[in-house]
Amino acid sequence: MPPPRRARRKRPRKRNIILLAIAAFFVVGIIANALGANGKSAKAPTAAASSAAVKASPSAASRASATSKAIAKAEHACYKRPPASGDIYVRMVTSGVSPQAQQLGGGWVWNHTSNKCLTSVQMVMATAPLSAGNCTQVGYAADNPGYNPNATPAAPLMHVVAQKGPACQAAAPSTPLQTTPAAPPATPASTAPASAAPAGCYPLTNGGNCYEPGEYCRNADHGMSGVAGDGEAIICEDNDGWRWEPA
């Protein structure tokens, strides 16, 4: 008998091959879309942050520019103010050096450290050295007639409106010769005149005493800061008249 024939394998139809190719295409597309979405979501926060940073930088720069312009405008207006007082004398005492003096104008000066407009007296006090052996004294030229700021050593001022420095007490002018009858001796309960100005207060009255809060201030002291007799900071302000008020 002839040998039996082997059964032939059926070849896959073309239709099945096409369906498999389409399915594979869809799978690849889904995977690609997923990867693309992840990449976009990761980049979104970075892009948003970069955009915010770009917007913030001009804003900060504009604020800094506005502040700088405001300061420059205030400085310009400061120097345009009318003089706060007449000329002043500045006497400087330094340890180991002869006292020196100079005459300055009574206008307004811009303090670049505090960005404030100060009178010439306030500016001298703001920049006065505080090291041991130093004393800076200021007096109005009108209150010190005949004073010679070019003399060496510089003589003490007759009337001091402001002073600052640890050596100011020793640099105070000596008591002038008494031409009127001497007052009776003080009683044991009072060892010093009540009007004696303690060291550190300024400005001083024309009589050399300390101002106290509530007292009227001179025209030349308008807007000026100082220290009362009890050590309290005071400022000359318009409060129903120009008075020394607590700062």
C-alpha atoms as a PDB file:
ATOM      1  CA  MET A   1       0.000   0.000   0.000  1.00  0.00           C
ATOM      2  CA  PRO A   2       1.254   3.541  -0.690  1.00  0.00           C
ATOM      3  CA  PRO A   3       2.429   5.548   2.393  1.00  0.00           C
ATOM      4  CA  PRO A   4      -0.136   7.964   3.978  1.00  0.00           C
ATOM      5  CA  ARG A   5       0.142  11.648   3.022  1.00  0.00           C
ATOM      6  CA  ARG A   6       1.065  14.292   5.618  1.00  0.00           C
ATOM      7  CA  ALA A   7      -1.605  16.853   6.414  1.00  0.00           C
ATOM      8  CA  ARG A   8      -0.719  20.254   5.052  1.00  0.00           C
ATOM      9  CA  ARG A   9      -0.593  23.267   7.469  1.00  0.00           C
ATOM     10  CA  LYS A  10      -2.972  26.002   6.669  1.00  0.00           C
ATOM     11  CA  ARG A  11      -1.240  29.208   5.768  1.00  0.00           C
ATOM     12  CA  PRO A  12      -2.418  32.269   7.776  1.00  0.00           C
ATOM     13  CA  ARG A  13      -4.743  34.319   5.814  1.00  0.00           C
ATOM     14  CA  LYS A  14      -3.782  37.746   4.690  1.00  0.00           C
ATOM     15  CA  ARG A  15      -6.739  39.207   6.597  1.00  0.00           C
ATOM     16  CA  ASN A  16      -5.379  37.995   9.931  1.00  0.00           C
ATOM     17  CA  ILE A  17      -1.949  39.486   9.201  1.00  0.00           C
ATOM     18  CA  ILE A  18      -3.491  42.868   8.435  1.00  0.00           C
ATOM     19  CA  LEU A  19      -5.502  42.832  11.684  1.00  0.00           C
ATOM     20  CA  LEU A  20      -2.390  42.008  13.711  1.00  0.00           C
ATOM     21  CA  ALA A  21      -0.474  44.865  12.071  1.00  0.00           C
ATOM     22  CA  ILE A  22      -3.276  47.326  12.836  1.00  0.00           C
ATOM     23  CA  ALA A  23      -3.428  46.189  16.477  1.00  0.00           C
ATOM     24  CA  ALA A  24       0.342  46.563  16.827  1.00  0.00           C
ATOM     25  CA  PHE A  25       0.131  50.058  15.338  1.00  0.00           C
ATOM     26  CA  PHE A  26      -2.503  51.090  17.902  1.00  0.00           C
ATOM     27  CA  VAL A  27      -0.440  49.690  20.777  1.00  0.00           C
ATOM     28  CA  VAL A  28       2.634  51.602  19.649  1.00  0.00           C
ATOM     29  CA  GLY A  29       0.532  54.775  19.317  1.00  0.00           C
ATOM     30  CA  ILE A  30      -0.867  54.418  22.850  1.00  0.00           C
ATOM     31  CA  ILE A  31       2.623  53.947  24.301  1.00  0.00           C
ATOM     32  CA  ALA A  32       3.958  56.981  22.404  1.00  0.00           C
ATOM     33  CA  ASN A  33       1.062  59.162  23.585  1.00  0.00           C
ATOM     34  CA  ALA A  34       1.667  58.118  27.198  1.00  0.00           C
ATOM     35  CA  LEU A  35       5.348  58.940  26.988  1.00  0.00           C
ATOM     36  CA  GLY A  36       4.611  62.301  25.357  1.00  0.00           C
ATOM     37  CA  ALA A  37       2.081  63.243  28.028  1.00  0.00           C
ATOM     38  CA  ASN A  38       4.541  62.436  30.808  1.00  0.00           C
ATOM     39  CA  GLY A  39       7.200  64.574  29.179  1.00  0.00           C
ATOM     40  CA  LYS A  40       4.822  67.519  28.814  1.00  0.00           C
ATOM     41  CA  SER A  41       3.594  67.252  32.415  1.00  0.00           C
ATOM     42  CA  ALA A  42       7.191  67.242  33.669  1.00  0.00           C
ATOM     43  CA  LYS A  43       8.103  70.267  31.606  1.00  0.00           C
ATOM     44  CA  ALA A  44       5.001  72.294  32.543  1.00  0.00           C
ATOM     45  CA  PRO A  45       6.057  73.265  36.115  1.00  0.00           C
ATOM     46  CA  THR A  46       9.541  74.186  34.912  1.00  0.00           C
ATOM     47  CA  ALA A  47       8.138  76.416  32.190  1.00  0.00           C
ATOM     48  CA  ALA A  48       5.697  78.038  34.630  1.00  0.00           C
ATOM     49  CA  ALA A  49       8.459  78.699  37.151  1.00  0.00           C
ATOM     50  CA  SER A  50      10.692  80.206  34.485  1.00  0.00           C
ATOM     51  CA  SER A  51       7.869  82.469  33.327  1.00  0.00           C
ATOM     52  CA  ALA A  52       7.181  83.614  36.903  1.00  0.00           C
ATOM     53  CA  ALA A  53      10.876  84.329  37.463  1.00  0.00           C
ATOM     54  CA  VAL A  54      11.039  86.389  34.276  1.00  0.00           C
ATOM     55  CA  LYS A  55       8.000  88.405  35.367  1.00  0.00           C
ATOM     56  CA  ALA A  56       9.326  88.904  38.930  1.00  0.00           C
ATOM     57  CA  SER A  57      12.725  90.244  37.889  1.00  0.00           C
ATOM     58  CA  PRO A  58      11.421  93.338  36.053  1.00  0.00           C
ATOM     59  CA  SER A  59       9.046  94.055  38.959  1.00  0.00           C
ATOM     60  CA  ALA A  60      11.868  94.022  41.541  1.00  0.00           C
ATOM     61  CA  ALA A  61      14.047  96.136  39.278  1.00  0.00           C
ATOM     62  CA  SER A  62      11.265  98.672  38.778  1.00  0.00           C
ATOM     63  CA  ARG A  63      10.709  98.955  42.527  1.00  0.00           C
ATOM     64  CA  ALA A  64      14.422  99.527  43.120  1.00  0.00           C
ATOM     65  CA  SER A  65      14.485 102.145  40.363  1.00  0.00           C
ATOM     66  CA  ALA A  66      11.447 103.925  41.845  1.00  0.00           C
ATOM     67  CA  THR A  67      13.070 103.980  45.293  1.00  0.00           C
ATOM     68  CA  SER A  68      16.302 105.365  43.866  1.00  0.00           C
ATOM     69  CA  LYS A  69      14.414 108.109  42.003  1.00  0.00           C
ATOM     70  CA  ALA A  70      12.441 109.038  45.134  1.00  0.00           C
ATOM     71  CA  ILE A  71      15.652 109.366  47.174  1.00  0.00           C
ATOM     72  CA  ALA A  72      17.297 111.480  44.466  1.00  0.00           C
ATOM     73  CA  LYS A  73      14.224 113.731  44.334  1.00  0.00           C
ATOM     74  CA  ALA A  74      14.198 114.143  48.120  1.00  0.00           C
ATOM     75  CA  GLU A  75      17.922 114.965  48.125  1.00  0.00           C
ATOM     76  CA  HIS A  76      17.431 117.598  45.440  1.00  0.00           C
ATOM     77  CA  ALA A  77      14.544 119.150  47.406  1.00  0.00           C
ATOM     78  CA  CYS A  78      16.684 119.127  50.555  1.00  0.00           C
ATOM     79  CA  TYR A  79      19.328 121.401  49.064  1.00  0.00           C
ATOM     80  CA  LYS A  80      16.608 123.718  47.715  1.00  0.00           C
ATOM     81  CA  ARG A  81      15.311 124.512  51.214  1.00  0.00           C
ATOM     82  CA  PRO A  82      15.982 127.983  52.586  1.00  0.00           C
ATOM     83  CA  PRO A  83      18.722 128.175  55.232  1.00  0.00           C
ATOM     84  CA  ALA A  84      17.723 126.726  58.575  1.00  0.00           C
ATOM     85  CA  SER A  85      19.834 129.261  60.464  1.00  0.00           C
ATOM     86  CA  GLY A  86      22.754 131.617  60.114  1.00  0.00           C
ATOM     87  CA  ASP A  87      26.361 130.427  60.009  1.00  0.00           C
ATOM     88  CA  ILE A  88      27.590 128.116  62.736  1.00  0.00           C
ATOM     89  CA  TYR A  89      30.918 127.528  64.455  1.00  0.00           C
ATOM     90  CA  VAL A  90      32.120 123.961  64.948  1.00  0.00           C
ATOM     91  CA  ARG A  91      34.811 123.437  67.577  1.00  0.00           C
ATOM     92  CA  MET A  92      36.510 120.026  67.671  1.00  0.00           C
ATOM     93  CA  VAL A  93      38.522 118.736  70.589  1.00  0.00           C
ATOM     94  CA  THR A  94      40.738 115.681  70.027  1.00  0.00           C
ATOM     95  CA  SER A  95      43.055 114.053  72.520  1.00  0.00           C
ATOM     96  CA  GLY A  96      46.679 115.070  71.931  1.00  0.00           C
ATOM     97  CA  VAL A  97      45.800 117.749  69.347  1.00  0.00           C
ATOM     98  CA  SER A  98      45.084 121.445  69.794  1.00  0.00           C
ATOM     99  CA  PRO A  99      41.355 122.272  69.524  1.00  0.00           C
ATOM    100  CA  GLN A 100      40.351 123.315  66.020  1.00  0.00           C
ATOM    101  CA  ALA A 101      37.333 125.292  64.806  1.00  0.00           C
ATOM    102  CA  GLN A 102      35.679 126.099  61.513  1.00  0.00           C
ATOM    103  CA  GLN A 103      32.765 128.167  60.251  1.00  0.00           C
ATOM    104  CA  LEU A 104      29.988 126.476  58.273  1.00  0.00           C
ATOM    105  CA  GLY A 105      26.803 127.647  56.605  1.00  0.00           C
ATOM    106  CA  GLY A 106      23.418 127.117  58.198  1.00  0.00           C
ATOM    107  CA  GLY A 107      21.769 125.371  55.263  1.00  0.00           C
ATOM    108  CA  TRP A 108      20.350 121.886  54.884  1.00  0.00           C
ATOM    109  CA  VAL A 109      22.506 118.823  54.155  1.00  0.00           C
ATOM    110  CA  TRP A 110      21.542 115.376  52.868  1.00  0.00           C
ATOM    111  CA  ASN A 111      22.713 112.481  55.032  1.00  0.00           C
ATOM    112  CA  HIS A 112      23.423 109.589  52.658  1.00  0.00           C
ATOM    113  CA  THR A 113      23.646 107.130  55.561  1.00  0.00           C
ATOM    114  CA  SER A 114      20.116 107.710  56.860  1.00  0.00           C
ATOM    115  CA  ASN A 115      18.674 109.237  53.650  1.00  0.00           C
ATOM    116  CA  LYS A 116      17.361 112.205  55.639  1.00  0.00           C
ATOM    117  CA  CYS A 117      17.547 115.963  55.202  1.00  0.00           C
ATOM    118  CA  LEU A 118      19.346 117.478  58.206  1.00  0.00           C
ATOM    119  CA  THR A 119      20.266 120.955  59.310  1.00  0.00           C
ATOM    120  CA  SER A 120      23.965 121.741  59.451  1.00  0.00           C
ATOM    121  CA  VAL A 121      23.832 121.394  63.253  1.00  0.00           C
ATOM    122  CA  GLN A 122      22.119 117.995  63.030  1.00  0.00           C
ATOM    123  CA  MET A 123      24.608 116.810  60.410  1.00  0.00           C
ATOM    124  CA  VAL A 124      27.582 117.785  62.590  1.00  0.00           C
ATOM    125  CA  MET A 125      26.060 115.927  65.545  1.00  0.00           C
ATOM    126  CA  ALA A 126      25.260 112.870  63.385  1.00  0.00           C
ATOM    127  CA  THR A 127      28.868 112.576  62.203  1.00  0.00           C
ATOM    128  CA  ALA A 128      30.645 113.594  65.422  1.00  0.00           C
ATOM    129  CA  PRO A 129      33.261 111.030  66.578  1.00  0.00           C
ATOM    130  CA  LEU A 130      32.475 109.220  69.818  1.00  0.00           C
ATOM    131  CA  SER A 131      35.903 107.816  70.629  1.00  0.00           C
ATOM    132  CA  ALA A 132      37.638 108.698  73.901  1.00  0.00           C
ATOM    133  CA  GLY A 133      39.100 112.182  74.102  1.00  0.00           C
ATOM    134  CA  ASN A 134      36.810 113.669  71.447  1.00  0.00           C
ATOM    135  CA  CYS A 135      34.248 116.419  71.750  1.00  0.00           C
ATOM    136  CA  THR A 136      32.395 118.280  68.997  1.00  0.00           C
ATOM    137  CA  GLN A 137      30.671 121.543  69.930  1.00  0.00           C
ATOM    138  CA  VAL A 138      28.407 123.731  67.795  1.00  0.00           C
ATOM    139  CA  GLY A 139      27.390 127.342  68.333  1.00  0.00           C
ATOM    140  CA  TYR A 140      25.592 129.890  66.181  1.00  0.00           C
ATOM    141  CA  ALA A 141      27.838 132.643  64.852  1.00  0.00           C
ATOM    142  CA  ALA A 142      25.264 135.211  65.934  1.00  0.00           C
ATOM    143  CA  ASP A 143      25.514 133.968  69.534  1.00  0.00           C
ATOM    144  CA  ASN A 144      29.322 134.088  69.520  1.00  0.00           C
ATOM    145  CA  PRO A 145      30.261 137.583  68.281  1.00  0.00           C
ATOM    146  CA  GLY A 146      33.961 138.188  67.797  1.00  0.00           C
ATOM    147  CA  TYR A 147      34.828 134.484  67.778  1.00  0.00           C
ATOM    148  CA  ASN A 148      37.851 133.620  65.621  1.00  0.00           C
ATOM    149  CA  PRO A 149      37.532 130.105  64.148  1.00  0.00           C
ATOM    150  CA  ASN A 150      41.040 130.383  62.636  1.00  0.00           C
ATOM    151  CA  ALA A 151      42.801 130.774  65.969  1.00  0.00           C
ATOM    152  CA  THR A 152      45.092 127.958  67.127  1.00  0.00           C
ATOM    153  CA  PRO A 153      44.196 126.576  69.526  1.00  0.00           C
ATOM    154  CA  ALA A 154      40.518 127.391  69.012  1.00  0.00           C
ATOM    155  CA  ALA A 155      39.023 129.139  72.026  1.00  0.00           C
ATOM    156  CA  PRO A 156      35.911 127.696  73.707  1.00  0.00           C
ATOM    157  CA  LEU A 157      32.581 128.888  72.340  1.00  0.00           C
ATOM    158  CA  MET A 158      30.717 131.351  74.519  1.00  0.00           C
ATOM    159  CA  HIS A 159      27.333 129.805  73.650  1.00  0.00           C
ATOM    160  CA  VAL A 160      27.010 126.140  72.674  1.00  0.00           C
ATOM    161  CA  VAL A 161      23.743 124.863  71.175  1.00  0.00           C
ATOM    162  CA  ALA A 162      24.806 121.246  70.721  1.00  0.00           C
ATOM    163  CA  GLN A 163      27.730 119.074  71.726  1.00  0.00           C
ATOM    164  CA  LYS A 164      28.615 115.420  71.487  1.00  0.00           C
ATOM    165  CA  GLY A 165      31.510 113.254  72.629  1.00  0.00           C
ATOM    166  CA  PRO A 166      32.938 111.765  75.827  1.00  0.00           C
ATOM    167  CA  ALA A 167      35.293 114.737  76.395  1.00  0.00           C
ATOM    168  CA  CYS A 168      32.623 117.447  76.185  1.00  0.00           C
ATOM    169  CA  GLN A 169      32.318 117.933  79.931  1.00  0.00           C
ATOM    170  CA  ALA A 170      36.020 118.743  80.214  1.00  0.00           C
ATOM    171  CA  ALA A 171      35.828 120.969  77.104  1.00  0.00           C
ATOM    172  CA  ALA A 172      33.071 123.180  78.537  1.00  0.00           C
ATOM    173  CA  PRO A 173      34.007 126.868  78.680  1.00  0.00           C
ATOM    174  CA  SER A 174      35.356 128.108  81.978  1.00  0.00           C
ATOM    175  CA  THR A 175      33.086 130.156  84.226  1.00  0.00           C
ATOM    176  CA  PRO A 176      33.460 133.882  83.371  1.00  0.00           C
ATOM    177  CA  LEU A 177      34.660 136.320  85.982  1.00  0.00           C
ATOM    178  CA  GLN A 178      31.863 137.404  88.260  1.00  0.00           C
ATOM    179  CA  THR A 179      31.165 141.113  88.204  1.00  0.00           C
ATOM    180  CA  THR A 180      28.045 141.159  90.393  1.00  0.00           C
ATOM    181  CA  PRO A 181      27.903 140.560  94.139  1.00  0.00           C
ATOM    182  CA  ALA A 182      28.316 136.920  95.029  1.00  0.00           C
ATOM    183  CA  ALA A 183      25.188 135.025  95.979  1.00  0.00           C
ATOM    184  CA  PRO A 184      24.899 133.642  99.508  1.00  0.00           C
ATOM    185  CA  PRO A 185      26.330 130.152 100.017  1.00  0.00           C
ATOM    186  CA  ALA A 186      24.011 127.321  99.088  1.00  0.00           C
ATOM    187  CA  THR A 187      22.315 125.427 101.864  1.00  0.00           C
ATOM    188  CA  PRO A 188      23.374 121.817 102.519  1.00  0.00           C
ATOM    189  CA  ALA A 189      20.182 120.604 100.839  1.00  0.00           C
ATOM    190  CA  SER A 190      21.184 122.250  97.551  1.00  0.00           C
ATOM    191  CA  THR A 191      24.704 121.507  96.395  1.00  0.00           C
ATOM    192  CA  ALA A 192      24.388 122.790  92.803  1.00  0.00           C
ATOM    193  CA  PRO A 193      22.379 125.463  90.974  1.00  0.00           C
ATOM    194  CA  ALA A 194      19.070 124.162  89.660  1.00  0.00           C
ATOM    195  CA  SER A 195      19.811 125.645  86.234  1.00  0.00           C
ATOM    196  CA  ALA A 196      23.109 123.816  85.741  1.00  0.00           C
ATOM    197  CA  ALA A 197      23.013 121.922  82.454  1.00  0.00           C
ATOM    198  CA  PRO A 198      23.970 118.249  82.798  1.00  0.00           C
ATOM    199  CA  ALA A 199      26.492 116.902  80.324  1.00  0.00           C
ATOM    200  CA  GLY A 200      25.017 115.465  77.143  1.00  0.00           C
ATOM    201  CA  CYS A 201      21.922 117.651  76.713  1.00  0.00           C
ATOM    202  CA  TYR A 202      21.592 119.782  73.590  1.00  0.00           C
ATOM    203  CA  PRO A 203      20.811 122.233  72.224  1.00  0.00           C
ATOM    204  CA  LEU A 204      21.263 124.659  75.084  1.00  0.00           C
ATOM    205  CA  THR A 205      19.266 127.807  75.734  1.00  0.00           C
ATOM    206  CA  ASN A 206      20.885 131.211  75.308  1.00  0.00           C
ATOM    207  CA  GLY A 207      21.516 131.077  79.045  1.00  0.00           C
ATOM    208  CA  GLY A 208      23.370 127.761  78.749  1.00  0.00           C
ATOM    209  CA  ASN A 209      20.613 125.576  80.230  1.00  0.00           C
ATOM    210  CA  CYS A 210      18.921 122.409  78.969  1.00  0.00           C
ATOM    211  CA  TYR A 211      15.555 122.493  77.245  1.00  0.00           C
ATOM    212  CA  GLU A 212      12.652 120.464  78.604  1.00  0.00           C
ATOM    213  CA  PRO A 213       9.663 119.002  76.690  1.00  0.00           C
ATOM    214  CA  GLY A 214       6.958 121.623  76.180  1.00  0.00           C
ATOM    215  CA  GLU A 215       9.270 124.629  76.134  1.00  0.00           C
ATOM    216  CA  TYR A 216       9.272 126.971  73.143  1.00  0.00           C
ATOM    217  CA  CYS A 217      12.212 126.600  70.767  1.00  0.00           C
ATOM    218  CA  ARG A 218      14.043 129.249  68.788  1.00  0.00           C
ATOM    219  CA  ASN A 219      13.398 129.943  65.123  1.00  0.00           C
ATOM    220  CA  ALA A 220      16.808 128.538  64.219  1.00  0.00           C
ATOM    221  CA  ASP A 221      15.956 125.249  65.964  1.00  0.00           C
ATOM    222  CA  HIS A 222      12.824 124.446  63.922  1.00  0.00           C
ATOM    223  CA  GLY A 223      12.907 120.756  62.959  1.00  0.00           C
ATOM    224  CA  MET A 224      16.036 120.110  65.012  1.00  0.00           C
ATOM    225  CA  SER A 225      16.446 117.119  67.322  1.00  0.00           C
ATOM    226  CA  GLY A 226      18.118 117.189  70.708  1.00  0.00           C
ATOM    227  CA  VAL A 227      18.292 115.750  74.220  1.00  0.00           C
ATOM    228  CA  ALA A 228      16.438 117.191  77.215  1.00  0.00           C
ATOM    229  CA  GLY A 229      17.917 117.673  80.671  1.00  0.00           C
ATOM    230  CA  ASP A 230      16.597 114.288  81.827  1.00  0.00           C
ATOM    231  CA  GLY A 231      18.182 112.513  78.843  1.00  0.00           C
ATOM    232  CA  GLU A 232      14.920 112.228  76.860  1.00  0.00           C
ATOM    233  CA  ALA A 233      15.127 112.677  73.089  1.00  0.00           C
ATOM    234  CA  ILE A 234      13.257 115.799  71.947  1.00  0.00           C
ATOM    235  CA  ILE A 235      12.456 117.475  68.639  1.00  0.00           C
ATOM    236  CA  CYS A 236      11.357 121.018  67.792  1.00  0.00           C
ATOM    237  CA  GLU A 237       7.892 120.658  66.190  1.00  0.00           C
ATOM    238  CA  ASP A 238       4.986 122.973  65.413  1.00  0.00           C
ATOM    239  CA  ASN A 239       2.445 122.047  68.089  1.00  0.00           C
ATOM    240  CA  ASP A 240       0.336 125.150  68.726  1.00  0.00           C
ATOM    241  CA  GLY A 241       3.616 127.002  68.382  1.00  0.00           C
ATOM    242  CA  TRP A 242       7.112 125.643  67.896  1.00  0.00           C
ATOM    243  CA  ARG A 243       7.894 123.627  71.001  1.00  0.00           C
ATOM    244  CA  TRP A 244      10.316 120.936  72.111  1.00  0.00           C
ATOM    245  CA  GLU A 245       8.303 117.708  72.081  1.00  0.00           C
ATOM    246  CA  PRO A 246       9.315 114.124  72.988  1.00  0.00           C
ATOM    247  CA  ALA A 247      10.822 112.537  69.881  1.00  0.00           C
END
